[in-house]
Amino acid sequence: MTISRRTLLAATGAAALLSILPARAQSPAMPPARKIRTNGIRLAVHEVNERGSGPAVVLLHGFPGLAYTWRHQIPALAGAGYRVIVPDLPGYGQSDPPPPVEAYDIAHLTADLAGLL
Protein backbone atom coordinates (compact mmCIF):
# COMPACT_ATOMS: atom_id res chain seq x y z
CA MET A 1 0.00 0.00 0.00
CA THR A 2 1.39 3.35 -1.02
CA ILE A 3 0.48 6.55 0.83
CA SER A 4 0.84 9.76 -1.08
CA ARG A 5 2.87 12.59 0.34
CA ARG A 6 -0.27 14.76 0.49
CA THR A 7 -2.16 12.12 2.52
CA LEU A 8 0.76 11.71 4.92
CA LEU A 9 1.05 15.47 5.47
CA ALA A 10 -2.71 15.84 5.96
CA ALA A 11 -2.82 13.02 8.51
CA THR A 12 0.20 14.38 10.39
CA GLY A 13 -1.31 17.87 10.45
CA ALA A 14 -4.66 16.58 11.67
CA ALA A 15 -3.00 14.57 14.45
CA ALA A 16 -0.96 17.60 15.53
CA LEU A 17 -4.04 19.82 15.56
CA LEU A 18 -6.05 17.32 17.60
CA SER A 19 -3.28 17.05 20.17
CA ILE A 20 -3.38 20.79 20.97
CA LEU A 21 -7.17 21.28 20.96
CA PRO A 22 -8.93 20.94 24.32
CA ALA A 23 -10.93 17.77 24.79
CA ARG A 24 -14.58 18.24 23.96
CA ALA A 25 -16.82 18.23 27.01
CA GLN A 26 -18.93 15.14 27.47
CA SER A 27 -22.70 15.49 27.30
CA PRO A 28 -24.36 15.24 30.70
CA ALA A 29 -25.65 11.77 31.46
CA MET A 30 -29.39 11.21 31.52
CA PRO A 31 -30.83 10.02 34.81
CA PRO A 32 -32.06 6.43 34.59
CA ALA A 33 -35.60 5.96 33.28
CA ARG A 34 -38.34 4.26 35.19
CA LYS A 35 -41.62 3.06 33.73
CA ILE A 36 -44.80 4.71 34.98
CA ARG A 37 -48.20 3.29 34.05
CA THR A 38 -50.65 5.98 32.97
CA ASN A 39 -53.76 6.06 30.80
CA GLY A 40 -53.30 2.44 29.68
CA ILE A 41 -49.63 2.73 28.61
CA ARG A 42 -46.21 2.78 30.28
CA LEU A 43 -44.12 5.91 29.89
CA ALA A 44 -40.35 5.92 30.33
CA VAL A 45 -39.70 8.83 32.67
CA HIS A 46 -36.38 10.39 33.65
CA GLU A 47 -36.65 12.22 36.95
CA VAL A 48 -34.30 14.23 39.15
CA ASN A 49 -35.03 15.42 42.71
CA GLU A 50 -37.98 13.06 43.00
CA ARG A 51 -38.60 14.24 46.52
CA GLY A 52 -37.25 17.75 46.01
CA SER A 53 -38.89 20.65 47.75
CA GLY A 54 -39.00 22.81 44.64
CA PRO A 55 -41.82 22.94 42.11
CA ALA A 56 -42.04 20.30 39.41
CA VAL A 57 -40.91 21.15 35.88
CA VAL A 58 -42.05 18.83 33.08
CA LEU A 59 -39.97 18.96 29.90
CA LEU A 60 -41.65 17.61 26.76
CA HIS A 61 -39.91 16.84 23.50
CA GLY A 62 -41.32 17.55 20.06
CA PHE A 63 -41.63 15.48 16.90
CA PRO A 64 -39.35 13.74 16.29
CA GLY A 65 -37.51 13.71 19.57
CA LEU A 66 -36.75 12.00 22.84
CA ALA A 67 -36.35 12.93 26.49
CA TYR A 68 -32.62 12.95 25.68
CA THR A 69 -33.21 16.28 23.94
CA TRP A 70 -33.27 17.93 27.39
CA ARG A 71 -30.01 16.41 28.71
CA HIS A 72 -28.28 19.79 28.99
CA GLN A 73 -31.14 21.53 30.81
CA ILE A 74 -31.82 18.81 33.40
CA PRO A 75 -28.72 19.41 35.59
CA ALA A 76 -29.25 23.19 35.59
CA LEU A 77 -32.90 22.94 36.62
CA ALA A 78 -32.19 20.27 39.26
CA GLY A 79 -29.32 22.38 40.58
CA ALA A 80 -31.74 25.30 40.95
CA GLY A 81 -33.91 23.11 43.20
CA TYR A 82 -36.62 22.06 40.78
CA ARG A 83 -38.05 18.57 40.53
CA VAL A 84 -37.38 17.73 36.88
CA ILE A 85 -39.65 15.23 35.10
CA VAL A 86 -38.78 14.28 31.52
CA PRO A 87 -40.85 11.57 29.79
CA ASP A 88 -40.38 9.90 26.45
CA LEU A 89 -43.80 10.68 24.98
CA PRO A 90 -46.05 7.76 23.91
CA GLY A 91 -44.55 5.81 21.03
CA TYR A 92 -41.07 7.34 21.43
CA GLY A 93 -37.92 5.93 22.99
CA GLN A 94 -38.71 3.40 25.69
CA SER A 95 -42.36 4.40 26.13
CA ASP A 96 -45.17 2.15 24.95
CA PRO A 97 -46.99 3.10 21.76
CA PRO A 98 -50.73 3.49 22.18
CA PRO A 99 -52.55 0.87 20.07
CA PRO A 100 -54.84 3.06 17.92
CA VAL A 101 -53.37 5.91 15.91
CA GLU A 102 -56.14 8.17 17.26
CA ALA A 103 -54.49 7.91 20.70
CA TYR A 104 -51.75 10.30 19.55
CA ASP A 105 -54.12 13.30 19.57
CA ILE A 106 -53.79 16.16 22.06
CA ALA A 107 -56.65 14.93 24.27
CA HIS A 108 -54.95 11.55 24.82
CA LEU A 109 -51.52 13.14 25.26
CA THR A 110 -52.96 15.50 27.88
CA ALA A 111 -54.53 12.54 29.70
CA ASP A 112 -51.21 10.67 29.58
CA LEU A 113 -49.40 13.62 31.16
CA ALA A 114 -52.12 14.26 33.75
CA GLY A 115 -51.84 10.60 34.74
CA LEU A 116 -48.08 10.94 34.93
CA LEU A 117 -48.31 13.89 37.31
C-alpha atoms as a PDB file:
ATOM      1  CA  MET A   1       0.000   0.000   0.000  1.00  0.00           C
ATOM      2  CA  THR A   2       1.392   3.346  -1.023  1.00  0.00           C
ATOM      3  CA  ILE A   3       0.479   6.546   0.831  1.00  0.00           C
ATOM      4  CA  SER A   4       0.843   9.758  -1.084  1.00  0.00           C
ATOM      5  CA  ARG A   5       2.874  12.587   0.337  1.00  0.00           C
ATOM      6  CA  ARG A   6      -0.268  14.760   0.491  1.00  0.00           C
ATOM      7  CA  THR A   7      -2.162  12.120   2.522  1.00  0.00           C
ATOM      8  CA  LEU A   8       0.759  11.714   4.920  1.00  0.00           C
ATOM      9  CA  LEU A   9       1.053  15.472   5.467  1.00  0.00           C
ATOM     10  CA  ALA A  10      -2.715  15.842   5.960  1.00  0.00           C
ATOM     11  CA  ALA A  11      -2.815  13.018   8.515  1.00  0.00           C
ATOM     12  CA  THR A  12       0.204  14.382  10.386  1.00  0.00           C
ATOM     13  CA  GLY A  13      -1.306  17.873  10.454  1.00  0.00           C
ATOM     14  CA  ALA A  14      -4.656  16.579  11.669  1.00  0.00           C
ATOM     15  CA  ALA A  15      -2.998  14.566  14.445  1.00  0.00           C
ATOM     16  CA  ALA A  16      -0.958  17.599  15.534  1.00  0.00           C
ATOM     17  CA  LEU A  17      -4.041  19.816  15.560  1.00  0.00           C
ATOM     18  CA  LEU A  18      -6.048  17.320  17.598  1.00  0.00           C
ATOM     19  CA  SER A  19      -3.280  17.054  20.171  1.00  0.00           C
ATOM     20  CA  ILE A  20      -3.380  20.788  20.970  1.00  0.00           C
ATOM     21  CA  LEU A  21      -7.172  21.277  20.960  1.00  0.00           C
ATOM     22  CA  PRO A  22      -8.934  20.938  24.316  1.00  0.00           C
ATOM     23  CA  ALA A  23     -10.929  17.770  24.791  1.00  0.00           C
ATOM     24  CA  ARG A  24     -14.585  18.244  23.959  1.00  0.00           C
ATOM     25  CA  ALA A  25     -16.824  18.234  27.014  1.00  0.00           C
ATOM     26  CA  GLN A  26     -18.929  15.139  27.467  1.00  0.00           C
ATOM     27  CA  SER A  27     -22.703  15.490  27.305  1.00  0.00           C
ATOM     28  CA  PRO A  28     -24.365  15.238  30.698  1.00  0.00           C
ATOM     29  CA  ALA A  29     -25.651  11.774  31.464  1.00  0.00           C
ATOM     30  CA  MET A  30     -29.389  11.207  31.521  1.00  0.00           C
ATOM     31  CA  PRO A  31     -30.826  10.015  34.815  1.00  0.00           C
ATOM     32  CA  PRO A  32     -32.062   6.427  34.589  1.00  0.00           C
ATOM     33  CA  ALA A  33     -35.597   5.962  33.276  1.00  0.00           C
ATOM     34  CA  ARG A  34     -38.336   4.256  35.189  1.00  0.00           C
ATOM     35  CA  LYS A  35     -41.621   3.058  33.730  1.00  0.00           C
ATOM     36  CA  ILE A  36     -44.799   4.714  34.984  1.00  0.00           C
ATOM     37  CA  ARG A  37     -48.202   3.294  34.048  1.00  0.00           C
ATOM     38  CA  THR A  38     -50.651   5.983  32.970  1.00  0.00           C
ATOM     39  CA  ASN A  39     -53.759   6.064  30.797  1.00  0.00           C
ATOM     40  CA  GLY A  40     -53.298   2.438  29.679  1.00  0.00           C
ATOM     41  CA  ILE A  41     -49.631   2.727  28.613  1.00  0.00           C
ATOM     42  CA  ARG A  42     -46.213   2.779  30.276  1.00  0.00           C
ATOM     43  CA  LEU A  43     -44.122   5.913  29.885  1.00  0.00           C
ATOM     44  CA  ALA A  44     -40.353   5.918  30.327  1.00  0.00           C
ATOM     45  CA  VAL A  45     -39.696   8.834  32.669  1.00  0.00           C
ATOM     46  CA  HIS A  46     -36.382  10.391  33.651  1.00  0.00           C
ATOM     47  CA  GLU A  47     -36.646  12.225  36.953  1.00  0.00           C
ATOM     48  CA  VAL A  48     -34.301  14.234  39.155  1.00  0.00           C
ATOM     49  CA  ASN A  49     -35.030  15.424  42.708  1.00  0.00           C
ATOM     50  CA  GLU A  50     -37.981  13.056  43.001  1.00  0.00           C
ATOM     51  CA  ARG A  51     -38.599  14.244  46.522  1.00  0.00           C
ATOM     52  CA  GLY A  52     -37.249  17.752  46.006  1.00  0.00           C
ATOM     53  CA  SER A  53     -38.892  20.648  47.751  1.00  0.00           C
ATOM     54  CA  GLY A  54     -38.996  22.806  44.645  1.00  0.00           C
ATOM     55  CA  PRO A  55     -41.815  22.945  42.113  1.00  0.00           C
ATOM     56  CA  ALA A  56     -42.036  20.298  39.405  1.00  0.00           C
ATOM     57  CA  VAL A  57     -40.912  21.155  35.884  1.00  0.00           C
ATOM     58  CA  VAL A  58     -42.049  18.828  33.081  1.00  0.00           C
ATOM     59  CA  LEU A  59     -39.968  18.961  29.898  1.00  0.00           C
ATOM     60  CA  LEU A  60     -41.653  17.612  26.758  1.00  0.00           C
ATOM     61  CA  HIS A  61     -39.905  16.840  23.499  1.00  0.00           C
ATOM     62  CA  GLY A  62     -41.321  17.550  20.063  1.00  0.00           C
ATOM     63  CA  PHE A  63     -41.633  15.485  16.900  1.00  0.00           C
ATOM     64  CA  PRO A  64     -39.352  13.735  16.291  1.00  0.00           C
ATOM     65  CA  GLY A  65     -37.514  13.714  19.565  1.00  0.00           C
ATOM     66  CA  LEU A  66     -36.753  12.000  22.841  1.00  0.00           C
ATOM     67  CA  ALA A  67     -36.346  12.934  26.486  1.00  0.00           C
ATOM     68  CA  TYR A  68     -32.618  12.946  25.682  1.00  0.00           C
ATOM     69  CA  THR A  69     -33.211  16.284  23.938  1.00  0.00           C
ATOM     70  CA  TRP A  70     -33.270  17.926  27.392  1.00  0.00           C
ATOM     71  CA  ARG A  71     -30.009  16.406  28.714  1.00  0.00           C
ATOM     72  CA  HIS A  72     -28.278  19.794  28.995  1.00  0.00           C
ATOM     73  CA  GLN A  73     -31.143  21.529  30.810  1.00  0.00           C
ATOM     74  CA  ILE A  74     -31.820  18.806  33.397  1.00  0.00           C
ATOM     75  CA  PRO A  75     -28.717  19.413  35.586  1.00  0.00           C
ATOM     76  CA  ALA A  76     -29.249  23.187  35.595  1.00  0.00           C
ATOM     77  CA  LEU A  77     -32.901  22.937  36.620  1.00  0.00           C
ATOM     78  CA  ALA A  78     -32.193  20.271  39.256  1.00  0.00           C
ATOM     79  CA  GLY A  79     -29.318  22.379  40.577  1.00  0.00           C
ATOM     80  CA  ALA A  80     -31.737  25.301  40.950  1.00  0.00           C
ATOM     81  CA  GLY A  81     -33.910  23.107  43.200  1.00  0.00           C
ATOM     82  CA  TYR A  82     -36.616  22.057  40.775  1.00  0.00           C
ATOM     83  CA  ARG A  83     -38.051  18.565  40.531  1.00  0.00           C
ATOM     84  CA  VAL A  84     -37.377  17.733  36.878  1.00  0.00           C
ATOM     85  CA  ILE A  85     -39.648  15.229  35.099  1.00  0.00           C
ATOM     86  CA  VAL A  86     -38.778  14.284  31.519  1.00  0.00           C
ATOM     87  CA  PRO A  87     -40.848  11.570  29.793  1.00  0.00           C
ATOM     88  CA  ASP A  88     -40.383   9.904  26.453  1.00  0.00           C
ATOM     89  CA  LEU A  89     -43.801  10.680  24.983  1.00  0.00           C
ATOM     90  CA  PRO A  90     -46.046   7.762  23.907  1.00  0.00           C
ATOM     91  CA  GLY A  91     -44.550   5.809  21.027  1.00  0.00           C
ATOM     92  CA  TYR A  92     -41.075   7.338  21.425  1.00  0.00           C
ATOM     93  CA  GLY A  93     -37.921   5.928  22.988  1.00  0.00           C
ATOM     94  CA  GLN A  94     -38.708   3.399  25.695  1.00  0.00           C
ATOM     95  CA  SER A  95     -42.364   4.403  26.126  1.00  0.00           C
ATOM     96  CA  ASP A  96     -45.173   2.148  24.955  1.00  0.00           C
ATOM     97  CA  PRO A  97     -46.988   3.101  21.763  1.00  0.00           C
ATOM     98  CA  PRO A  98     -50.728   3.490  22.182  1.00  0.00           C
ATOM     99  CA  PRO A  99     -52.549   0.875  20.074  1.00  0.00           C
ATOM    100  CA  PRO A 100     -54.843   3.056  17.922  1.00  0.00           C
ATOM    101  CA  VAL A 101     -53.370   5.911  15.906  1.00  0.00           C
ATOM    102  CA  GLU A 102     -56.137   8.166  17.265  1.00  0.00           C
ATOM    103  CA  ALA A 103     -54.493   7.913  20.695  1.00  0.00           C
ATOM    104  CA  TYR A 104     -51.753  10.303  19.545  1.00  0.00           C
ATOM    105  CA  ASP A 105     -54.116  13.304  19.574  1.00  0.00           C
ATOM    106  CA  ILE A 106     -53.793  16.165  22.062  1.00  0.00           C
ATOM    107  CA  ALA A 107     -56.647  14.926  24.271  1.00  0.00           C
ATOM    108  CA  HIS A 108     -54.951  11.554  24.818  1.00  0.00           C
ATOM    109  CA  LEU A 109     -51.525  13.137  25.258  1.00  0.00           C
ATOM    110  CA  THR A 110     -52.955  15.498  27.879  1.00  0.00           C
ATOM    111  CA  ALA A 111     -54.532  12.545  29.702  1.00  0.00           C
ATOM    112  CA  ASP A 112     -51.213  10.673  29.583  1.00  0.00           C
ATOM    113  CA  LEU A 113     -49.400  13.617  31.155  1.00  0.00           C
ATOM    114  CA  ALA A 114     -52.119  14.260  33.749  1.00  0.00           C
ATOM    115  CA  GLY A 115     -51.841  10.596  34.745  1.00  0.00           C
ATOM    116  CA  LEU A 116     -48.075  10.939  34.934  1.00  0.00           C
ATOM    117  CA  LEU A 117     -48.312  13.888  37.307  1.00  0.00           C
END
